[in-house]
């Protein structure tokens, strides 16, 4: 069950980096304006702006991570001595990756 929660959180994080997340934010703001315009004050605008900035940061981080991953994948494919078991490590949970890195560092040291 805990593994399902972690995978769900990862999926939510990835989903918030998609352009559709901005559409949801805009729709939320529009619905807020339609149904409760009296509560849409400066505090509410600041809240929406904070959410928008969070989505922008999430998107930039996701883009950078994907670009870095693509570069690493290419290096692993190009280097004939690279371990092939690492090519799909990005599909694992972060805790599993940390354990793998720790084990690799112990083996080299």
Protein backbone atom coordinates (compact mmCIF):
# COMPACT_ATOMS: atom_id res chain seq x y z
CA UNK A 1 0.00 0.00 0.00
CA UNK A 2 2.84 2.41 0.86
CA UNK A 3 4.37 1.77 -2.56
CA UNK A 4 1.07 2.73 -4.20
CA UNK A 5 1.02 6.01 -2.28
CA UNK A 6 4.58 6.83 -3.40
CA UNK A 7 3.76 6.04 -7.01
CA UNK A 8 0.61 8.16 -6.77
CA UNK A 9 2.61 11.09 -5.40
CA UNK A 10 5.12 10.72 -8.24
CA UNK A 11 2.28 10.66 -10.77
CA UNK A 12 0.74 13.78 -9.22
CA UNK A 13 4.09 15.57 -9.36
CA UNK A 14 4.47 14.67 -13.02
CA UNK A 15 0.89 15.72 -13.78
CA UNK A 16 1.44 19.14 -12.24
CA UNK A 17 4.22 19.77 -14.74
CA UNK A 18 1.86 19.40 -17.69
CA UNK A 19 0.19 22.35 -19.46
CA UNK A 20 -3.20 20.99 -18.44
CA UNK A 21 -2.38 21.93 -14.83
CA UNK A 22 -2.38 25.58 -15.89
CA UNK A 23 -5.77 25.11 -17.52
CA UNK A 24 -7.10 23.65 -14.29
CA UNK A 25 -5.72 26.63 -12.36
CA UNK A 26 -7.35 29.07 -14.78
CA UNK A 27 -10.65 27.18 -14.60
CA UNK A 28 -10.45 27.19 -10.80
CA UNK A 29 -9.89 30.95 -10.77
CA UNK A 30 -12.73 31.52 -13.22
CA UNK A 31 -15.13 29.35 -11.21
CA UNK A 32 -14.08 31.17 -8.07
CA UNK A 33 -14.89 34.48 -9.77
CA UNK A 34 -18.28 33.20 -10.98
CA UNK A 35 -19.49 31.53 -7.77
CA UNK A 36 -17.89 33.64 -5.02
CA UNK A 37 -16.70 36.95 -6.51
CA UNK A 38 -16.98 38.69 -3.13
CA UNK A 39 -14.16 36.51 -1.73
CA UNK A 40 -11.86 37.10 -4.71
CA UNK A 41 -9.77 39.81 -3.06
CA UNK A 42 -6.03 40.53 -3.11
CA UNK A 43 -5.38 37.61 -0.81
CA UNK A 44 -7.12 35.26 -3.26
CA UNK A 45 -5.21 36.71 -6.22
CA UNK A 46 -1.95 36.20 -4.31
CA UNK A 47 -2.95 32.61 -3.63
CA UNK A 48 -3.66 31.97 -7.32
CA UNK A 49 -0.38 33.66 -8.27
CA UNK A 50 1.49 31.44 -5.80
CA UNK A 51 -0.09 28.33 -7.31
CA UNK A 52 0.82 29.55 -10.80
CA UNK A 53 4.45 30.12 -9.78
CA UNK A 54 4.57 26.69 -8.19
CA UNK A 55 3.36 25.15 -11.44
CA UNK A 56 5.94 27.14 -13.42
CA UNK A 57 8.75 25.97 -11.15
CA UNK A 58 7.51 22.37 -11.29
CA UNK A 59 7.40 22.52 -15.09
CA UNK A 60 10.92 23.94 -15.34
CA UNK A 61 12.30 21.29 -12.99
CA UNK A 62 10.51 18.53 -14.90
CA UNK A 63 11.91 19.82 -18.21
CA UNK A 64 15.45 19.96 -16.79
CA UNK A 65 15.14 16.48 -15.32
CA UNK A 66 13.85 15.02 -18.58
CA UNK A 67 16.65 16.69 -20.58
CA UNK A 68 19.28 15.41 -18.17
CA UNK A 69 17.77 11.93 -18.27
CA UNK A 70 17.83 11.91 -22.09
CA UNK A 71 21.50 12.92 -22.08
CA UNK A 72 22.37 10.21 -19.57
CA UNK A 73 20.43 7.61 -21.55
CA UNK A 74 22.44 8.54 -24.64
CA UNK A 75 25.72 8.25 -22.73
CA UNK A 76 24.74 4.84 -21.38
CA UNK A 77 23.85 3.65 -24.88
CA UNK A 78 27.08 5.02 -26.37
CA UNK A 79 29.45 3.64 -23.74
CA UNK A 80 30.00 -0.06 -24.33
CA UNK A 81 31.15 -0.74 -20.74
CA UNK A 82 28.06 0.83 -19.11
CA UNK A 83 25.91 -1.45 -16.98
CA UNK A 84 22.64 -2.12 -18.77
CA UNK A 85 20.74 -2.62 -15.51
CA UNK A 86 20.92 1.14 -14.95
CA UNK A 87 19.14 2.09 -18.16
CA UNK A 88 15.70 1.81 -16.55
CA UNK A 89 16.59 3.02 -13.05
CA UNK A 90 14.46 6.14 -13.58
CA UNK A 91 11.38 3.94 -13.40
CA UNK A 92 12.13 3.02 -9.78
CA UNK A 93 11.08 4.89 -6.68
CA UNK A 94 13.49 7.53 -5.31
CA UNK A 95 14.27 5.44 -2.22
CA UNK A 96 15.26 2.49 -4.39
CA UNK A 97 17.56 4.71 -6.45
CA UNK A 98 19.22 6.02 -3.27
CA UNK A 99 19.81 2.45 -2.07
CA UNK A 100 21.32 1.57 -5.47
CA UNK A 101 23.64 4.60 -5.36
CA UNK A 102 24.72 3.79 -1.79
CA UNK A 103 25.46 0.19 -2.73
CA UNK A 104 27.42 1.29 -5.81
CA UNK A 105 29.48 3.78 -3.76
CA UNK A 106 30.33 1.10 -1.20
CA UNK A 107 31.38 -1.26 -3.97
CA UNK A 108 33.75 1.29 -5.52
CA UNK A 109 35.27 2.61 -2.29
